[in-house]
Structures are given as structure tokens and as C-alpha cells.
Amino acid sequence: MPRIHFLDVTNRDGVQTARVNLSKFGKTMVNFYLGKLGVTQSEAGFPFLFHEVPYLKANLALAKAGAFGDLRLSGWTRAVPGDVEASLPLGLEHLNLSISTSDQMIVNKFRGRLDRAAVIEQMAAATRAARVAGVLTIGVNAEDGSRTDTGYLAEFATAAREAGADRVRYCDTVGGDTPWRIRERFASLATTVGIPVETHCHNDLGMAVANSVAGALGDLDAGHDAWVNTCVNGIGERAGNADLLSCILAFRHGFDLAGRADLGDLDLSWARRFGLWAAYAFGQPLPLGQPGVGANAFAHESGIHADGALKDRHNYELYDDETLGPFPDDWSARRGRVVLTGEYGGKAGFRHVLDGLGVEVAAADEELVFRLVQLTNAANGRPLTDDELRLLATWPHELALLYPGQLS
């Protein structure tokens, strides 16, 4: 039976969002929560950049130690053989290679440097380089795929498959596609090429989730697995990307997938903690009506609705809020008298907080964890959450790789 996979791009497209920032430890927490939710893959951009290398080394060590469950870590690069070669020493087993395919981009972005034939030639060379090097899975991205004509898109995707690609990513780069069109194009392309077509939808017209779901259904129509790109809370460049939780909820409650597809072992009991942590970490408050995790997602006031919800909440609620897990009740958010631990904290406060959270630290690791707490608080510029403190205390040696030269 085909499966619907979620490939989250928060740590690539999400962190490229203008006017927001996320520390390398914050990106590590994204992977932690994605692993808890049961997401298939997490993507990092330009993995060979000097400031990404320590983050990736730490996260690959954490993945090997089991900190992220079954989550796969992948890298995103340009479809250029040199980018592939620069990424290989890190040990990433999954890569996505991207190049523009529309005439708009070829003419007005490449400006004579590449034509249609050269785009395919360069993509195929990069894909073969990754395959020869032993990369386990390769996705090839057709940037601006939604504005690429059908014939050339099929030629590009076929060449990608023949060079060794496992999937082709159809990028609705400017967010101008529509659900009925994208489903039809996905079904036709997946049937023609014989490999899954992956959704990457932006929200410029407010349809990123609808387009992502429709594209995935097109894959299922063709009998293939579906791969859906998402970001936590719908964050992303310009108007954002497809929201992870909204896409999951749409597949779980909007369609009868029985006998058609498997959603995998997703655990939504971490959804609220992830969504609210991300709002805090990115400094991007959630809209009141954010699906599932917004403050008003399960709130009722008007008379008819309140009366109906009091009689039976399913009169006005599609799914139960309990399935999304508890609201965070973090130590650092306590009011009144409280002792915290952080950048300038001492051992007494550090031990007090960890004891209060029931977190045990081996005596041999206490100094390392203490210094990691100080460094991470300094890097984040905000109080650490309970989940962050627990991760630091549980995997200190792997997380020390985030700070080369600062803990020796």
C-alpha cells in the first residue's frame, strides 16, 4: 500500500524566512520534535557551509545515538556536482538537489548561462555523482515546477530517474498553483516517469496546504508513495510553506484513506508542544485561529455554537483537542518567585531546576551539561524550555559538537 511521507523543510526553507532566526540548537530541537511526531525526513540547506557543519555533525551523532527516533536527516544543495562533493564528507545519506526548470527562471535567472538542455545535463551529472558516492536516497527538485510546461517537466523528471533519483520535487515556488491542477499534474507525471512526485508548496495565495494535499492525492492516484514538504506553523519564505500539522490533520480527518494509503506511525501528542515551542523559538506568535494549536482552535463563544459544544463537542469540533497533547507548562514560564538556570547561572540554580524537573545527570557529565546550558542559553538569547533542558542533559556529548573549541 502506498504511504504518505512528511519531509519537513523547517530547517532549510523555514529558517530562510526573512526577519526571523533560529539558533543551531533550535534547529536541533526541530529535529527532536519531528522525531517525536514520527515525521520521515528533515532537510538542512547547504550542509557544507562553515556554520552548518558543527550543527550537522552534532545532529548526525544524535541521530545515530537514537535521539530522533527514525527521523532521517538530509541535505539540500544546488544540482551541481561540486555541491554534492562538498556535502559528502559530512556523512549525510540523503540529499535533495535543486535546479530551476521554468522558462521564466531559465531566461531571467540564468540569463544565458544555462538553457533547457544544459539544465538537464547539469542536474543529471549532480545526481550521478551522488549515486556513485553511495547516497542512499536522492530527490531532484524542479524549482518553479508549477510554471514549467508539462512536456519539459516530464523530460526533466525522466532524466532525473535515469540518473538515479528516487523522487522528483515539484516546487510551486511562487505559490500560484491550484488544487485541481496540481493533482492532475502529479498523477500524470508520476505515471509517466514511474517515481513519486514530491510536493513543495508556498502559500502566496493561501493554498499551500490544499495544494500539498491535492498533489499527494495525485501520487496516490498513480499508485505511488506521496512525499509532502512542510514547515512547523507554516513558517517559510514570503507567505510561508505548507503547515505540518494542518497537512497531517487534513489527511487524518479530511479524507478516507482506508485501503489507499498508510499515514505511518504519527504521534500527534507532541503537536502542541512543538507548535508552541516553535512560536517561542522563532519569536512568531501563533494566530488565534492556527489549526490545532491556536488559542481559539477549540474555543466557542457564540450562543448557537456554545450550546451545541456543551451538549456534544463533536457538534462543532472535527477532532479532539486531547489528541494534540498537553499545553507546555515550562519551568521558565512560572510566575512569582522562581529560580532559573542559564547563561549567568551558577551550580546551585542549575541543580535546583534539574532536580525540580526530575532530570538526572551522571556525576561525570554534570560539568559538561552545566556549561552546555550556559552556552545554549547565550546562543538562544532566551530562557531554555523544559524539553531543551532535558535534551541537553540526556545527550551532552553529542550536543557538545555544536560548540567546537568552546568546551575544551
Protein backbone atom coordinates (compact mmCIF):
# COMPACT_ATOMS: atom_id res chain seq x y z
CA MET A 1 0.00 0.00 0.00
CA PRO A 2 1.36 3.48 -0.82
CA ARG A 3 2.46 5.59 2.12
CA ILE A 4 2.23 9.34 2.74
CA HIS A 5 5.58 10.64 4.00
CA PHE A 6 6.23 14.04 5.51
CA LEU A 7 9.56 15.63 4.62
CA ASP A 8 9.86 18.71 6.79
CA VAL A 9 11.88 21.67 5.50
CA THR A 10 11.71 23.91 8.57
CA ASN A 11 15.48 23.66 8.97
CA ARG A 12 16.00 24.78 5.37
CA ASP A 13 13.13 26.80 3.91
CA GLY A 14 11.75 27.74 7.31
CA VAL A 15 14.96 29.24 8.65
CA GLN A 16 15.43 31.19 5.40
CA THR A 17 12.38 33.24 6.36
CA ALA A 18 13.13 36.96 6.37
CA ARG A 19 13.20 38.69 9.77
CA VAL A 20 13.37 35.51 11.84
CA ASN A 21 16.27 33.48 13.15
CA LEU A 22 16.85 30.15 14.86
CA SER A 23 19.97 29.00 16.68
CA LYS A 24 21.72 25.77 15.74
CA PHE A 25 20.42 24.26 18.97
CA GLY A 26 16.96 25.44 17.94
CA LYS A 27 17.33 23.54 14.67
CA THR A 28 18.33 20.53 16.74
CA MET A 29 15.11 20.87 18.74
CA VAL A 30 13.14 20.94 15.48
CA ASN A 31 14.63 17.53 14.65
CA PHE A 32 13.85 16.29 18.16
CA TYR A 33 10.17 17.23 17.81
CA LEU A 34 9.93 15.90 14.24
CA GLY A 35 11.28 12.59 15.51
CA LYS A 36 8.70 12.52 18.30
CA LEU A 37 5.90 13.21 15.82
CA GLY A 38 7.05 10.41 13.52
CA VAL A 39 7.97 12.56 10.51
CA THR A 40 10.04 10.70 7.89
CA GLN A 41 12.75 13.22 6.99
CA SER A 42 14.19 16.61 7.94
CA GLU A 43 16.09 18.79 5.48
CA ALA A 44 19.04 21.12 6.09
CA GLY A 45 20.17 23.62 3.48
CA PHE A 46 23.70 23.99 2.10
CA PRO A 47 25.16 21.47 4.56
CA PHE A 48 28.78 22.33 3.76
CA LEU A 49 28.50 25.97 4.92
CA PHE A 50 31.03 26.63 7.68
CA HIS A 51 28.37 27.46 10.26
CA GLU A 52 26.21 24.44 9.39
CA VAL A 53 28.95 21.82 9.70
CA PRO A 54 29.05 21.68 13.54
CA TYR A 55 25.25 21.56 13.66
CA LEU A 56 25.13 18.67 11.21
CA LYS A 57 27.92 16.75 12.93
CA ALA A 58 26.07 17.06 16.24
CA ASN A 59 22.73 16.09 14.74
CA LEU A 60 24.11 13.11 12.85
CA ALA A 61 25.67 11.93 16.12
CA LEU A 62 22.33 12.44 17.89
CA ALA A 63 20.51 10.52 15.16
CA LYS A 64 22.99 7.65 15.45
CA ALA A 65 22.51 7.62 19.24
CA GLY A 66 18.71 7.37 18.80
CA ALA A 67 17.73 10.87 19.93
CA PHE A 68 15.47 11.44 16.90
CA GLY A 69 13.82 8.04 16.58
CA ASP A 70 13.51 7.01 12.93
CA LEU A 71 13.84 10.54 11.54
CA ARG A 72 16.18 10.73 8.54
CA LEU A 73 18.46 13.75 8.15
CA SER A 74 19.01 15.09 4.65
CA GLY A 75 20.86 17.90 2.94
CA TRP A 76 19.69 20.32 0.25
CA THR A 77 22.13 21.65 -2.33
CA ARG A 78 22.12 23.05 -5.80
CA ALA A 79 22.14 20.39 -8.52
CA VAL A 80 25.82 21.00 -9.09
CA PRO A 81 28.42 18.20 -8.84
CA GLY A 82 30.67 20.44 -6.73
CA ASP A 83 27.92 20.93 -4.14
CA VAL A 84 27.41 17.17 -3.96
CA GLU A 85 31.12 16.56 -3.48
CA ALA A 86 31.33 19.22 -0.75
CA SER A 87 28.43 17.57 1.12
CA LEU A 88 29.76 14.01 1.10
CA PRO A 89 32.39 14.26 3.90
CA LEU A 90 29.64 15.05 6.43
CA GLY A 91 28.17 11.56 6.10
CA LEU A 92 24.67 12.58 5.01
CA GLU A 93 22.90 9.59 3.48
CA HIS A 94 20.04 11.55 1.90
CA LEU A 95 20.31 14.52 -0.48
CA ASN A 96 17.94 16.78 -2.39
CA LEU A 97 19.40 18.51 -5.43
CA SER A 98 17.71 21.62 -6.80
CA ILE A 99 17.71 23.50 -10.10
CA SER A 100 15.24 25.84 -11.81
CA THR A 101 13.22 24.42 -14.70
CA SER A 102 10.73 27.07 -15.86
CA ASP A 103 11.38 29.30 -18.87
CA GLN A 104 10.83 32.26 -16.55
CA MET A 105 13.79 31.16 -14.43
CA ILE A 106 15.96 29.89 -17.29
CA VAL A 107 15.64 33.16 -19.19
CA ASN A 108 15.53 35.68 -16.35
CA LYS A 109 17.60 33.96 -13.65
CA PHE A 110 20.26 32.04 -15.58
CA ARG A 111 20.38 34.75 -18.30
CA GLY A 112 22.13 32.70 -20.94
CA ARG A 113 24.33 30.67 -18.63
CA LEU A 114 22.06 27.61 -18.98
CA ASP A 115 19.38 26.58 -21.45
CA ARG A 116 16.88 23.74 -21.17
CA ALA A 117 19.34 21.08 -22.33
CA ALA A 118 22.08 22.36 -20.01
CA VAL A 119 19.72 22.34 -17.02
CA ILE A 120 19.03 18.64 -17.57
CA GLU A 121 22.71 17.89 -18.22
CA GLN A 122 23.85 19.62 -15.02
CA MET A 123 21.11 18.02 -12.91
CA ALA A 124 21.90 14.55 -14.25
CA ALA A 125 25.62 14.99 -13.59
CA ALA A 126 24.97 16.00 -9.98
CA THR A 127 22.54 13.12 -9.49
CA ARG A 128 25.00 10.59 -10.89
CA ALA A 129 27.72 11.97 -8.63
CA ALA A 130 25.51 11.45 -5.58
CA ARG A 131 24.53 7.95 -6.67
CA VAL A 132 28.10 6.87 -7.41
CA ALA A 133 29.17 8.20 -3.99
CA GLY A 134 26.65 5.89 -2.30
CA VAL A 135 23.99 8.39 -1.20
CA LEU A 136 21.04 6.23 -0.15
CA THR A 137 18.17 8.38 -1.41
CA ILE A 138 18.22 11.26 -3.86
CA GLY A 139 15.49 13.77 -4.54
CA VAL A 140 15.75 16.12 -7.51
CA ASN A 141 13.95 19.44 -7.23
CA ALA A 142 12.31 21.19 -10.16
CA GLU A 143 12.31 24.74 -8.84
CA ASP A 144 9.35 26.64 -10.28
CA GLY A 145 7.90 23.34 -11.44
CA SER A 146 4.38 24.78 -11.38
CA ARG A 147 5.40 27.25 -14.12
CA THR A 148 7.28 24.62 -16.15
CA ASP A 149 5.47 23.26 -19.19
CA THR A 150 4.34 19.66 -18.92
CA GLY A 151 6.47 18.24 -21.72
CA TYR A 152 9.75 19.66 -20.46
CA LEU A 153 8.90 18.77 -16.87
CA ALA A 154 8.39 15.13 -17.90
CA GLU A 155 11.68 15.18 -19.83
CA PHE A 156 13.49 16.62 -16.81
CA ALA A 157 11.93 14.12 -14.39
CA THR A 158 12.69 11.16 -16.67
CA ALA A 159 16.32 12.23 -16.93
CA ALA A 160 16.46 12.53 -13.13
CA ARG A 161 15.14 8.99 -12.70
CA GLU A 162 17.57 7.60 -15.28
CA ALA A 163 20.46 9.33 -13.46
CA GLY A 164 19.47 7.66 -10.19
CA ALA A 165 16.90 9.92 -8.50
CA ASP A 166 14.31 8.32 -6.21
CA ARG A 167 11.86 11.24 -6.30
CA VAL A 168 11.24 14.48 -8.16
CA ARG A 169 10.20 17.52 -6.14
CA TYR A 170 7.60 19.69 -7.85
CA CYS A 171 8.10 23.16 -6.42
CA ASP A 172 5.23 25.62 -6.52
CA THR A 173 7.88 28.24 -5.90
CA VAL A 174 5.65 31.31 -6.17
CA GLY A 175 2.56 29.69 -4.66
CA GLY A 176 0.37 30.12 -7.74
CA ASP A 177 -0.90 26.59 -8.30
CA THR A 178 -4.41 25.32 -7.63
CA PRO A 179 -5.56 22.02 -6.07
CA TRP A 180 -7.33 20.62 -9.11
CA ARG A 181 -4.42 21.44 -11.45
CA ILE A 182 -1.69 20.13 -9.17
CA ARG A 183 -3.46 16.82 -8.52
CA GLU A 184 -3.85 16.21 -12.23
CA ARG A 185 -0.22 17.15 -12.95
CA PHE A 186 1.10 14.92 -10.14
CA ALA A 187 -0.93 11.92 -11.27
CA SER A 188 0.17 12.36 -14.89
CA LEU A 189 3.84 13.00 -14.08
CA ALA A 190 4.15 10.14 -11.57
CA THR A 191 2.53 7.75 -14.06
CA THR A 192 4.75 8.90 -16.92
CA VAL A 193 8.04 8.90 -15.01
CA GLY A 194 7.42 5.98 -12.65
CA ILE A 195 8.67 7.56 -9.40
CA PRO A 196 6.93 9.65 -6.72
CA VAL A 197 6.49 13.39 -7.25
CA GLU A 198 7.11 15.35 -4.06
CA THR A 199 5.09 18.43 -3.09
CA HIS A 200 6.77 21.72 -2.17
CA CYS A 201 4.09 24.38 -1.95
CA HIS A 202 4.26 28.01 -0.92
CA ASN A 203 1.35 29.96 0.50
CA ASP A 204 1.26 33.14 -1.58
CA LEU A 205 -2.43 32.54 -2.43
CA GLY A 206 -3.21 30.85 0.88
CA MET A 207 -3.43 27.40 -0.70
CA ALA A 208 -0.18 25.70 0.33
CA VAL A 209 -1.90 23.07 2.46
CA ALA A 210 -4.69 22.45 -0.07
CA ASN A 211 -2.17 22.16 -2.91
CA SER A 212 0.09 19.84 -0.89
CA VAL A 213 -2.78 17.52 -0.05
CA ALA A 214 -4.06 17.57 -3.65
CA GLY A 215 -0.60 16.84 -5.05
CA ALA A 216 -0.17 13.93 -2.69
CA LEU A 217 -3.53 12.54 -3.77
CA GLY A 218 -2.27 12.72 -7.36
CA ASP A 219 0.63 10.47 -6.37
CA LEU A 220 -1.82 8.02 -4.81
CA ASP A 221 -3.93 8.15 -7.99
CA ALA A 222 -0.81 6.97 -9.84
CA GLY A 223 -0.15 4.22 -7.28
CA HIS A 224 2.97 5.80 -5.78
CA ASP A 225 4.02 6.91 -2.32
CA ALA A 226 3.43 10.59 -1.61
CA TRP A 227 6.05 12.94 -0.16
CA VAL A 228 4.81 16.19 1.35
CA ASN A 229 7.10 19.11 2.22
CA THR A 230 6.06 21.03 5.33
CA CYS A 231 7.21 23.59 7.89
CA VAL A 232 6.16 23.89 11.53
CA ASN A 233 3.41 26.51 11.94
CA GLY A 234 3.53 27.14 8.18
CA ILE A 235 6.66 29.27 8.51
CA GLY A 236 8.68 29.91 5.36
CA GLU A 237 9.77 32.44 2.79
CA ARG A 238 7.30 35.23 1.97
CA ALA A 239 3.81 33.96 2.97
CA GLY A 240 5.18 30.64 4.20
CA ASN A 241 5.10 26.94 3.35
CA ALA A 242 2.54 24.23 3.94
CA ASP A 243 1.89 23.86 7.67
CA LEU A 244 2.96 20.47 9.02
CA LEU A 245 0.10 19.96 11.48
CA SER A 246 -2.56 21.20 9.05
CA CYS A 247 -1.39 18.72 6.41
CA ILE A 248 -1.41 15.83 8.88
CA LEU A 249 -4.88 16.76 10.13
CA ALA A 250 -6.17 17.09 6.57
CA PHE A 251 -5.07 13.56 5.70
CA ARG A 252 -6.26 12.13 9.01
CA HIS A 253 -9.67 13.81 9.17
CA GLY A 254 -10.44 15.20 5.70
CA PHE A 255 -10.12 12.07 3.57
CA ASP A 256 -10.96 8.40 3.85
CA LEU A 257 -7.59 6.83 3.05
CA ALA A 258 -8.64 3.31 4.05
CA GLY A 259 -7.18 0.91 1.51
CA ARG A 260 -5.50 3.74 -0.41
CA ALA A 261 -2.57 4.87 1.70
CA ASP A 262 -0.81 4.48 5.03
CA LEU A 263 -0.05 7.61 7.08
CA GLY A 264 2.64 5.86 9.09
CA ASP A 265 3.10 5.92 12.85
CA LEU A 266 2.45 9.60 13.58
CA ASP A 267 2.15 10.71 17.22
CA LEU A 268 0.23 13.97 17.44
CA SER A 269 0.51 14.08 21.22
CA TRP A 270 3.63 16.18 20.64
CA ALA A 271 1.91 18.64 18.28
CA ARG A 272 1.09 21.36 20.81
CA ARG A 273 4.50 21.25 22.44
CA PHE A 274 6.16 21.53 19.04
CA GLY A 275 3.92 24.30 17.72
CA LEU A 276 4.13 26.45 20.84
CA TRP A 277 7.87 25.84 21.23
CA ALA A 278 8.40 26.95 17.62
CA ALA A 279 6.36 30.12 18.13
CA TYR A 280 8.55 30.89 21.16
CA ALA A 281 11.85 29.98 19.49
CA PHE A 282 11.15 31.86 16.25
CA GLY A 283 9.57 34.82 18.02
CA GLN A 284 6.50 34.36 15.79
CA PRO A 285 3.28 34.29 17.87
CA LEU A 286 0.67 31.87 16.59
CA PRO A 287 -2.50 33.32 15.02
CA LEU A 288 -5.52 32.76 17.28
CA GLY A 289 -7.05 30.52 14.63
CA GLN A 290 -3.96 28.44 13.81
CA PRO A 291 -5.31 24.92 13.11
CA GLY A 292 -4.91 22.62 16.08
CA VAL A 293 -2.63 24.78 18.21
CA GLY A 294 -4.02 28.32 18.05
CA ALA A 295 -5.61 29.73 21.21
CA ASN A 296 -9.05 29.73 19.55
CA ALA A 297 -8.75 26.38 17.77
CA PHE A 298 -11.22 24.85 20.26
CA ALA A 299 -12.84 27.99 21.70
CA HIS A 300 -16.57 28.67 21.47
CA GLU A 301 -18.48 31.86 22.34
CA SER A 302 -21.46 32.49 20.07
CA GLY A 303 -24.72 31.19 21.53
CA ILE A 304 -25.56 28.53 18.99
CA HIS A 305 -22.02 27.16 18.92
CA ALA A 306 -21.57 27.25 22.68
CA ASP A 307 -24.88 25.48 23.24
CA GLY A 308 -24.01 22.81 20.70
CA ALA A 309 -20.48 22.28 22.01
CA LEU A 310 -21.70 21.95 25.59
CA LYS A 311 -24.16 19.26 24.53
CA ASP A 312 -21.60 17.36 22.47
CA ARG A 313 -18.30 18.91 21.44
CA HIS A 314 -18.37 16.99 18.17
CA ASN A 315 -21.25 19.20 17.08
CA TYR A 316 -18.64 21.87 16.33
CA GLU A 317 -15.26 20.15 16.54
CA LEU A 318 -13.84 17.91 13.83
CA TYR A 319 -11.24 16.26 16.06
CA ASP A 320 -10.46 16.07 19.77
CA ASP A 321 -8.02 18.56 21.21
CA GLU A 322 -6.63 15.89 23.56
CA THR A 323 -5.06 14.14 20.57
CA LEU A 324 -2.68 17.11 20.16
CA GLY A 325 -1.11 16.63 23.57
CA PRO A 326 -0.84 18.87 26.62
CA PHE A 327 -0.01 22.56 26.67
CA PRO A 328 3.56 23.20 27.83
CA ASP A 329 3.94 24.24 31.47
CA ASP A 330 7.60 25.19 31.43
CA TRP A 331 9.68 25.98 34.49
CA SER A 332 10.98 29.19 32.91
CA ALA A 333 7.44 30.49 32.38
CA ARG A 334 6.48 30.27 36.06
CA ARG A 335 5.26 33.45 37.69
CA GLY A 336 6.25 34.85 41.03
CA ARG A 337 9.24 33.57 42.92
CA VAL A 338 11.31 31.25 40.75
CA VAL A 339 14.98 30.24 40.43
CA LEU A 340 16.17 29.72 36.84
CA THR A 341 19.30 28.41 35.17
CA GLY A 342 21.02 29.95 32.18
CA GLU A 343 23.92 31.93 30.78
CA TYR A 344 24.96 33.56 34.05
CA GLY A 345 23.50 30.98 36.43
CA GLY A 346 25.52 29.05 38.98
CA LYS A 347 25.60 25.44 40.07
CA ALA A 348 23.00 25.89 42.82
CA GLY A 349 20.35 27.20 40.41
CA PHE A 350 21.31 24.61 37.79
CA ARG A 351 20.88 21.73 40.23
CA HIS A 352 17.67 23.23 41.64
CA VAL A 353 15.99 23.41 38.22
CA LEU A 354 17.11 19.97 37.02
CA ASP A 355 16.08 18.39 40.32
CA GLY A 356 12.70 20.12 40.04
CA LEU A 357 12.22 18.69 36.56
CA GLY A 358 13.24 15.23 37.74
CA VAL A 359 16.21 15.22 35.37
CA GLU A 360 19.10 13.04 36.47
CA VAL A 361 22.62 13.81 35.26
CA ALA A 362 25.52 11.43 35.71
CA ALA A 363 28.14 12.88 38.04
CA ALA A 364 30.78 12.60 35.34
CA ASP A 365 28.63 14.67 32.96
CA GLU A 366 27.40 17.38 35.36
CA GLU A 367 30.04 19.96 34.47
CA LEU A 368 29.54 19.40 30.73
CA VAL A 369 25.76 19.72 31.00
CA PHE A 370 26.11 22.85 33.14
CA ARG A 371 28.35 24.52 30.56
CA LEU A 372 26.09 23.41 27.71
CA VAL A 373 23.16 25.08 29.46
CA GLN A 374 25.14 28.31 29.75
CA LEU A 375 26.31 28.23 26.12
CA THR A 376 22.90 27.30 24.73
CA ASN A 377 21.10 29.99 26.70
CA ALA A 378 23.64 32.52 25.41
CA ALA A 379 23.17 31.33 21.82
CA ASN A 380 19.36 31.30 22.03
CA GLY A 381 19.06 34.61 23.86
CA ARG A 382 16.03 33.39 25.82
CA PRO A 383 15.25 31.06 28.75
CA LEU A 384 15.54 27.36 27.94
CA THR A 385 12.38 25.27 27.89
CA ASP A 386 11.92 22.05 29.82
CA ASP A 387 12.31 19.94 26.67
CA GLU A 388 15.51 21.80 25.79
CA LEU A 389 16.98 21.20 29.24
CA ARG A 390 16.07 17.53 29.10
CA LEU A 391 17.72 17.13 25.69
CA LEU A 392 20.92 18.81 26.91
CA ALA A 393 21.02 16.59 29.98
CA THR A 394 20.34 13.39 28.05
CA TRP A 395 22.75 13.79 25.11
CA PRO A 396 25.53 16.12 26.32
CA HIS A 397 28.44 14.53 24.44
CA GLU A 398 26.65 14.65 21.10
CA LEU A 399 25.43 18.21 21.70
CA ALA A 400 28.93 19.34 22.63
CA LEU A 401 29.71 19.02 18.91
CA LEU A 402 27.58 22.15 18.36
CA TYR A 403 30.26 24.23 20.09
CA PRO A 404 33.66 23.22 18.71
CA GLY A 405 36.52 24.68 20.71
CA GLN A 406 34.29 26.20 23.38
CA LEU A 407 34.11 23.33 25.88
CA SER A 408 37.69 22.06 25.93
